[in-house]
């Protein structure tokens, strides 16, 4: 199955928080170019989080329900 973007984050740490949340719900997630973002941080811009297409709607629901901009802002680097 194809990977699709579920969300885009301002930095690598926010993407990892969302990835961990999805994985606790049994949805495998991938941070696009994870090593690159870890090395260069926010200098490169947005960090895409990917899931399998069949999990997209469920993943969006989980992220919208459990993560808010206020929650993520408290974790920003």
PDB file of N, CA and C in Angstrom:
ATOM      1  N   UNK A   1       0.850  -1.182   0.000  1.00  0.00           N
ATOM      2  CA  UNK A   1       0.000   0.000   0.000  1.00  0.00           C
ATOM      3  C   UNK A   1       0.893   1.241   0.000  1.00  0.00           C
ATOM      4  N   UNK A   2       0.401   2.306  -0.571  1.00  0.00           N
ATOM      5  CA  UNK A   2       1.155   3.550  -0.717  1.00  0.00           C
ATOM      6  C   UNK A   2       1.144   4.368   0.572  1.00  0.00           C
ATOM      7  N   UNK A   3       2.239   5.083   0.796  1.00  0.00           N
ATOM      8  CA  UNK A   3       2.298   6.017   1.914  1.00  0.00           C
ATOM      9  C   UNK A   3       1.745   7.363   1.461  1.00  0.00           C
ATOM     10  N   UNK A   4       0.988   8.002   2.368  1.00  0.00           N
ATOM     11  CA  UNK A   4       0.425   9.324   2.108  1.00  0.00           C
ATOM     12  C   UNK A   4       0.712  10.230   3.300  1.00  0.00           C
ATOM     13  N   UNK A   5       0.752  11.516   3.037  1.00  0.00           N
ATOM     14  CA  UNK A   5       1.017  12.486   4.108  1.00  0.00           C
ATOM     15  C   UNK A   5      -0.236  12.664   4.950  1.00  0.00           C
ATOM     16  N   UNK A   6      -0.098  12.440   6.246  1.00  0.00           N
ATOM     17  CA  UNK A   6      -1.213  12.648   7.169  1.00  0.00           C
ATOM     18  C   UNK A   6      -1.158  14.056   7.764  1.00  0.00           C
ATOM     19  N   UNK A   7       0.058  14.585   7.926  1.00  0.00           N
ATOM     20  CA  UNK A   7       0.216  15.913   8.531  1.00  0.00           C
ATOM     21  C   UNK A   7       1.634  16.390   8.255  1.00  0.00           C
ATOM     22  N   UNK A   8       1.848  17.683   8.393  1.00  0.00           N
ATOM     23  CA  UNK A   8       3.167  18.281   8.269  1.00  0.00           C
ATOM     24  C   UNK A   8       3.418  19.111   9.520  1.00  0.00           C
ATOM     25  N   UNK A   9       4.628  18.998  10.065  1.00  0.00           N
ATOM     26  CA  UNK A   9       4.955  19.668  11.328  1.00  0.00           C
ATOM     27  C   UNK A   9       6.082  20.676  11.147  1.00  0.00           C
ATOM     28  N   UNK A  10       6.149  21.610  12.061  1.00  0.00           N
ATOM     29  CA  UNK A  10       7.136  22.685  11.986  1.00  0.00           C
ATOM     30  C   UNK A  10       8.544  22.198  12.282  1.00  0.00           C
ATOM     31  N   UNK A  11       8.669  21.137  13.079  1.00  0.00           N
ATOM     32  CA  UNK A  11      10.003  20.628  13.391  1.00  0.00           C
ATOM     33  C   UNK A  11       9.962  19.129  13.653  1.00  0.00           C
ATOM     34  N   UNK A  12      11.144  18.549  13.722  1.00  0.00           N
ATOM     35  CA  UNK A  12      11.305  17.117  13.871  1.00  0.00           C
ATOM     36  C   UNK A  12      10.707  16.589  15.180  1.00  0.00           C
ATOM     37  N   UNK A  13      10.855  17.332  16.255  1.00  0.00           N
ATOM     38  CA  UNK A  13      10.345  16.878  17.545  1.00  0.00           C
ATOM     39  C   UNK A  13       8.820  16.758  17.516  1.00  0.00           C
ATOM     40  N   UNK A  14       8.137  17.727  16.935  1.00  0.00           N
ATOM     41  CA  UNK A  14       6.684  17.652  16.831  1.00  0.00           C
ATOM     42  C   UNK A  14       6.256  16.435  16.006  1.00  0.00           C
ATOM     43  N   UNK A  15       6.971  16.181  14.927  1.00  0.00           N
ATOM     44  CA  UNK A  15       6.659  15.023  14.084  1.00  0.00           C
ATOM     45  C   UNK A  15       6.838  13.724  14.858  1.00  0.00           C
ATOM     46  N   UNK A  16       7.863  13.653  15.681  1.00  0.00           N
ATOM     47  CA  UNK A  16       8.093  12.442  16.478  1.00  0.00           C
ATOM     48  C   UNK A  16       7.015  12.260  17.548  1.00  0.00           C
ATOM     49  N   UNK A  17       6.519  13.331  18.115  1.00  0.00           N
ATOM     50  CA  UNK A  17       5.429  13.233  19.088  1.00  0.00           C
ATOM     51  C   UNK A  17       4.190  12.653  18.416  1.00  0.00           C
ATOM     52  N   UNK A  18       3.858  13.168  17.246  1.00  0.00           N
ATOM     53  CA  UNK A  18       2.695  12.679  16.507  1.00  0.00           C
ATOM     54  C   UNK A  18       2.898  11.232  16.071  1.00  0.00           C
ATOM     55  N   UNK A  19       4.083  10.899  15.624  1.00  0.00           N
ATOM     56  CA  UNK A  19       4.403   9.527  15.211  1.00  0.00           C
ATOM     57  C   UNK A  19       4.197   8.570  16.380  1.00  0.00           C
ATOM     58  N   UNK A  20       4.708   8.930  17.535  1.00  0.00           N
ATOM     59  CA  UNK A  20       4.554   8.092  18.723  1.00  0.00           C
ATOM     60  C   UNK A  20       3.096   7.912  19.108  1.00  0.00           C
ATOM     61  N   UNK A  21       2.321   8.981  18.994  1.00  0.00           N
ATOM     62  CA  UNK A  21       0.895   8.898  19.305  1.00  0.00           C
ATOM     63  C   UNK A  21       0.199   7.921  18.370  1.00  0.00           C
ATOM     64  N   UNK A  22       0.462   8.035  17.089  1.00  0.00           N
ATOM     65  CA  UNK A  22      -0.157   7.114  16.127  1.00  0.00           C
ATOM     66  C   UNK A  22       0.263   5.678  16.398  1.00  0.00           C
ATOM     67  N   UNK A  23       1.528   5.482  16.710  1.00  0.00           N
ATOM     68  CA  UNK A  23       2.008   4.130  16.944  1.00  0.00           C
ATOM     69  C   UNK A  23       1.411   3.518  18.209  1.00  0.00           C
ATOM     70  N   UNK A  24       1.082   4.332  19.200  1.00  0.00           N
ATOM     71  CA  UNK A  24       0.402   3.786  20.384  1.00  0.00           C
ATOM     72  C   UNK A  24      -1.011   3.326  20.046  1.00  0.00           C
ATOM     73  N   UNK A  25      -1.546   3.838  18.949  1.00  0.00           N
ATOM     74  CA  UNK A  25      -2.868   3.420  18.469  1.00  0.00           C
ATOM     75  C   UNK A  25      -2.758   2.339  17.395  1.00  0.00           C
ATOM     76  N   UNK A  26      -1.573   1.799  17.194  1.00  0.00           N
ATOM     77  CA  UNK A  26      -1.388   0.709  16.253  1.00  0.00           C
ATOM     78  C   UNK A  26      -1.231   1.117  14.798  1.00  0.00           C
ATOM     79  N   UNK A  27      -0.955   2.388  14.552  1.00  0.00           N
ATOM     80  CA  UNK A  27      -0.765   2.877  13.182  1.00  0.00           C
ATOM     81  C   UNK A  27       0.717   3.166  12.975  1.00  0.00           C
ATOM     82  N   UNK A  28       1.334   2.440  12.054  1.00  0.00           N
ATOM     83  CA  UNK A  28       2.736   2.680  11.741  1.00  0.00           C
ATOM     84  C   UNK A  28       2.856   3.997  10.979  1.00  0.00           C
ATOM     85  N   UNK A  29       3.813   4.814  11.377  1.00  0.00           N
ATOM     86  CA  UNK A  29       4.011   6.120  10.748  1.00  0.00           C
ATOM     87  C   UNK A  29       5.486   6.299  10.409  1.00  0.00           C
ATOM     88  N   UNK A  30       5.738   7.108   9.389  1.00  0.00           N
ATOM     89  CA  UNK A  30       7.095   7.364   8.920  1.00  0.00           C
ATOM     90  C   UNK A  30       7.302   8.866   8.794  1.00  0.00           C
ATOM     91  N   UNK A  31       8.431   9.325   9.291  1.00  0.00           N
ATOM     92  CA  UNK A  31       8.802  10.729   9.121  1.00  0.00           C
ATOM     93  C   UNK A  31       9.684  10.797   7.888  1.00  0.00           C
ATOM     94  N   UNK A  32       9.267  11.568   6.901  1.00  0.00           N
ATOM     95  CA  UNK A  32       9.996  11.662   5.642  1.00  0.00           C
ATOM     96  C   UNK A  32      11.373  12.266   5.876  1.00  0.00           C
ATOM     97  N   UNK A  33      12.398  11.579   5.407  1.00  0.00           N
ATOM     98  CA  UNK A  33      13.787  12.032   5.524  1.00  0.00           C
ATOM     99  C   UNK A  33      14.156  12.321   6.976  1.00  0.00           C
ATOM    100  N   UNK A  34      13.814  11.383   7.863  1.00  0.00           N
ATOM    101  CA  UNK A  34      14.005  11.590   9.304  1.00  0.00           C
ATOM    102  C   UNK A  34      15.432  11.981   9.657  1.00  0.00           C
ATOM    103  N   UNK A  35      16.428  11.296   9.152  1.00  0.00           N
ATOM    104  CA  UNK A  35      17.815  11.613   9.472  1.00  0.00           C
ATOM    105  C   UNK A  35      18.214  13.004   9.022  1.00  0.00           C
ATOM    106  N   UNK A  36      17.727  13.417   7.869  1.00  0.00           N
ATOM    107  CA  UNK A  36      18.023  14.752   7.346  1.00  0.00           C
ATOM    108  C   UNK A  36      17.451  15.822   8.270  1.00  0.00           C
ATOM    109  N   UNK A  37      16.219  15.628   8.697  1.00  0.00           N
ATOM    110  CA  UNK A  37      15.590  16.604   9.592  1.00  0.00           C
ATOM    111  C   UNK A  37      16.283  16.632  10.946  1.00  0.00           C
ATOM    112  N   UNK A  38      16.739  15.483  11.419  1.00  0.00           N
ATOM    113  CA  UNK A  38      17.442  15.434  12.702  1.00  0.00           C
ATOM    114  C   UNK A  38      18.733  16.238  12.645  1.00  0.00           C
ATOM    115  N   UNK A  39      19.420  16.170  11.514  1.00  0.00           N
ATOM    116  CA  UNK A  39      20.694  16.859  11.363  1.00  0.00           C
ATOM    117  C   UNK A  39      20.524  18.356  11.185  1.00  0.00           C
ATOM    118  N   UNK A  40      19.561  18.756  10.351  1.00  0.00           N
ATOM    119  CA  UNK A  40      19.445  20.165   9.989  1.00  0.00           C
ATOM    120  C   UNK A  40      18.320  20.901  10.705  1.00  0.00           C
ATOM    121  N   UNK A  41      17.549  20.191  11.509  1.00  0.00           N
ATOM    122  CA  UNK A  41      16.524  20.823  12.324  1.00  0.00           C
ATOM    123  C   UNK A  41      15.527  21.632  11.535  1.00  0.00           C
ATOM    124  N   UNK A  42      15.168  22.777  12.061  1.00  0.00           N
ATOM    125  CA  UNK A  42      14.131  23.600  11.445  1.00  0.00           C
ATOM    126  C   UNK A  42      14.645  24.433  10.275  1.00  0.00           C
ATOM    127  N   UNK A  43      15.927  24.321   9.964  1.00  0.00           N
ATOM    128  CA  UNK A  43      16.486  25.109   8.868  1.00  0.00           C
ATOM    129  C   UNK A  43      15.886  24.729   7.520  1.00  0.00           C
ATOM    130  N   UNK A  44      15.324  23.543   7.408  1.00  0.00           N
ATOM    131  CA  UNK A  44      14.809  23.090   6.123  1.00  0.00           C
ATOM    132  C   UNK A  44      13.302  23.243   5.986  1.00  0.00           C
ATOM    133  N   UNK A  45      12.626  23.641   7.034  1.00  0.00           N
ATOM    134  CA  UNK A  45      11.188  23.850   6.929  1.00  0.00           C
ATOM    135  C   UNK A  45      10.358  22.717   7.487  1.00  0.00           C
ATOM    136  N   UNK A  46       9.271  22.411   6.817  1.00  0.00           N
ATOM    137  CA  UNK A  46       8.280  21.497   7.355  1.00  0.00           C
ATOM    138  C   UNK A  46       8.712  20.038   7.290  1.00  0.00           C
ATOM    139  N   UNK A  47       8.176  19.245   8.241  1.00  0.00           N
ATOM    140  CA  UNK A  47       8.507  17.833   8.358  1.00  0.00           C
ATOM    141  C   UNK A  47       7.241  17.010   8.110  1.00  0.00           C
ATOM    142  N   UNK A  48       7.163  16.277   6.989  1.00  0.00           N
ATOM    143  CA  UNK A  48       5.975  15.480   6.676  1.00  0.00           C
ATOM    144  C   UNK A  48       5.941  14.162   7.456  1.00  0.00           C
ATOM    145  N   UNK A  49       4.749  13.805   7.926  1.00  0.00           N
ATOM    146  CA  UNK A  49       4.494  12.538   8.598  1.00  0.00           C
ATOM    147  C   UNK A  49       3.608  11.700   7.685  1.00  0.00           C
ATOM    148  N   UNK A  50       4.037  10.472   7.398  1.00  0.00           N
ATOM    149  CA  UNK A  50       3.353   9.614   6.438  1.00  0.00           C
ATOM    150  C   UNK A  50       2.758   8.388   7.118  1.00  0.00           C
ATOM    151  N   UNK A  51       1.631   7.927   6.593  1.00  0.00           N
ATOM    152  CA  UNK A  51       1.007   6.676   7.020  1.00  0.00           C
ATOM    153  C   UNK A  51       0.552   5.922   5.777  1.00  0.00           C
ATOM    154  N   UNK A  52       0.241   4.646   5.952  1.00  0.00           N
ATOM    155  CA  UNK A  52      -0.321   3.905   4.835  1.00  0.00           C
ATOM    156  C   UNK A  52      -1.684   4.481   4.501  1.00  0.00           C
ATOM    157  N   UNK A  53      -1.986   4.508   3.225  1.00  0.00           N
ATOM    158  CA  UNK A  53      -3.229   5.127   2.744  1.00  0.00           C
ATOM    159  C   UNK A  53      -4.469   4.575   3.447  1.00  0.00           C
ATOM    160  N   UNK A  54      -4.485   3.286   3.730  1.00  0.00           N
ATOM    161  CA  UNK A  54      -5.645   2.672   4.386  1.00  0.00           C
ATOM    162  C   UNK A  54      -5.855   3.175   5.818  1.00  0.00           C
ATOM    163  N   UNK A  55      -4.816   3.770   6.416  1.00  0.00           N
ATOM    164  CA  UNK A  55      -4.901   4.290   7.790  1.00  0.00           C
ATOM    165  C   UNK A  55      -5.088   5.797   7.855  1.00  0.00           C
ATOM    166  N   UNK A  56      -5.176   6.456   6.714  1.00  0.00           N
ATOM    167  CA  UNK A  56      -5.183   7.915   6.675  1.00  0.00           C
ATOM    168  C   UNK A  56      -6.316   8.532   7.491  1.00  0.00           C
ATOM    169  N   UNK A  57      -7.533   8.127   7.257  1.00  0.00           N
ATOM    170  CA  UNK A  57      -8.680   8.750   7.936  1.00  0.00           C
ATOM    171  C   UNK A  57      -8.593   8.537   9.445  1.00  0.00           C
ATOM    172  N   UNK A  58      -8.261   7.326   9.851  1.00  0.00           N
ATOM    173  CA  UNK A  58      -8.145   7.031  11.289  1.00  0.00           C
ATOM    174  C   UNK A  58      -7.013   7.849  11.910  1.00  0.00           C
ATOM    175  N   UNK A  59      -5.885   7.945  11.219  1.00  0.00           N
ATOM    176  CA  UNK A  59      -4.748   8.719  11.723  1.00  0.00           C
ATOM    177  C   UNK A  59      -5.106  10.196  11.861  1.00  0.00           C
ATOM    178  N   UNK A  60      -5.791  10.755  10.871  1.00  0.00           N
ATOM    179  CA  UNK A  60      -6.218  12.159  10.946  1.00  0.00           C
ATOM    180  C   UNK A  60      -7.141  12.374  12.140  1.00  0.00           C
ATOM    181  N   UNK A  61      -8.054  11.448  12.358  1.00  0.00           N
ATOM    182  CA  UNK A  61      -8.985  11.550  13.486  1.00  0.00           C
ATOM    183  C   UNK A  61      -8.221  11.552  14.814  1.00  0.00           C
ATOM    184  N   UNK A  62      -7.273  10.642  14.954  1.00  0.00           N
ATOM    185  CA  UNK A  62      -6.490  10.554  16.192  1.00  0.00           C
ATOM    186  C   UNK A  62      -5.708  11.837  16.424  1.00  0.00           C
ATOM    187  N   UNK A  63      -5.019  12.313  15.402  1.00  0.00           N
ATOM    188  CA  UNK A  63      -4.210  13.523  15.560  1.00  0.00           C
ATOM    189  C   UNK A  63      -5.079  14.740  15.846  1.00  0.00           C
ATOM    190  N   UNK A  64      -6.210  14.866  15.164  1.00  0.00           N
ATOM    191  CA  UNK A  64      -7.098  16.012  15.389  1.00  0.00           C
ATOM    192  C   UNK A  64      -7.724  15.980  16.777  1.00  0.00           C
ATOM    193  N   UNK A  65      -7.989  14.794  17.270  1.00  0.00           N
ATOM    194  CA  UNK A  65      -8.620  14.647  18.580  1.00  0.00           C
ATOM    195  C   UNK A  65      -7.631  14.860  19.725  1.00  0.00           C
ATOM    196  N   UNK A  66      -6.425  14.321  19.572  1.00  0.00           N
ATOM    197  CA  UNK A  66      -5.499  14.270  20.701  1.00  0.00           C
ATOM    198  C   UNK A  66      -4.368  15.285  20.662  1.00  0.00           C
ATOM    199  N   UNK A  67      -4.081  15.841  19.498  1.00  0.00           N
ATOM    200  CA  UNK A  67      -3.023  16.849  19.405  1.00  0.00           C
ATOM    201  C   UNK A  67      -3.623  18.162  18.923  1.00  0.00           C
ATOM    202  N   UNK A  68      -3.333  19.212  19.651  1.00  0.00           N
ATOM    203  CA  UNK A  68      -3.747  20.548  19.229  1.00  0.00           C
ATOM    204  C   UNK A  68      -2.498  21.385  19.017  1.00  0.00           C
ATOM    205  N   UNK A  69      -2.644  22.507  18.355  1.00  0.00           N
ATOM    206  CA  UNK A  69      -1.492  23.404  18.166  1.00  0.00           C
ATOM    207  C   UNK A  69      -0.921  23.830  19.508  1.00  0.00           C
ATOM    208  N   UNK A  70      -1.782  24.060  20.493  1.00  0.00           N
ATOM    209  CA  UNK A  70      -1.306  24.459  21.819  1.00  0.00           C
ATOM    210  C   UNK A  70      -0.459  23.363  22.454  1.00  0.00           C
ATOM    211  N   UNK A  71      -0.887  22.105  22.312  1.00  0.00           N
ATOM    212  CA  UNK A  71      -0.106  20.991  22.851  1.00  0.00           C
ATOM    213  C   UNK A  71       1.270  20.930  22.203  1.00  0.00           C
ATOM    214  N   UNK A  72       1.303  21.018  20.888  1.00  0.00           N
ATOM    215  CA  UNK A  72       2.572  20.912  20.186  1.00  0.00           C
ATOM    216  C   UNK A  72       3.473  22.118  20.417  1.00  0.00           C
ATOM    217  N   UNK A  73       2.909  23.303  20.547  1.00  0.00           N
ATOM    218  CA  UNK A  73       3.723  24.493  20.766  1.00  0.00           C
ATOM    219  C   UNK A  73       4.530  24.378  22.054  1.00  0.00           C
ATOM    220  N   UNK A  74       4.003  23.684  23.041  1.00  0.00           N
ATOM    221  CA  UNK A  74       4.724  23.544  24.299  1.00  0.00           C
ATOM    222  C   UNK A  74       5.933  22.634  24.150  1.00  0.00           C
ATOM    223  N   UNK A  75       6.010  21.864  23.039  1.00  0.00           N
ATOM    224  CA  UNK A  75       7.139  20.977  22.798  1.00  0.00           C
ATOM    225  C   UNK A  75       8.109  21.515  21.755  1.00  0.00           C
ATOM    226  N   UNK A  76       7.843  22.662  21.174  1.00  0.00           N
ATOM    227  CA  UNK A  76       8.693  23.188  20.112  1.00  0.00           C
ATOM    228  C   UNK A  76      10.095  23.461  20.619  1.00  0.00           C
ATOM    229  N   UNK A  77      11.029  23.214  19.758  1.00  0.00           N
ATOM    230  CA  UNK A  77      12.437  23.445  20.117  1.00  0.00           C
ATOM    231  C   UNK A  77      12.783  24.897  19.987  1.00  0.00           C
TER     232      UNK A  77
END
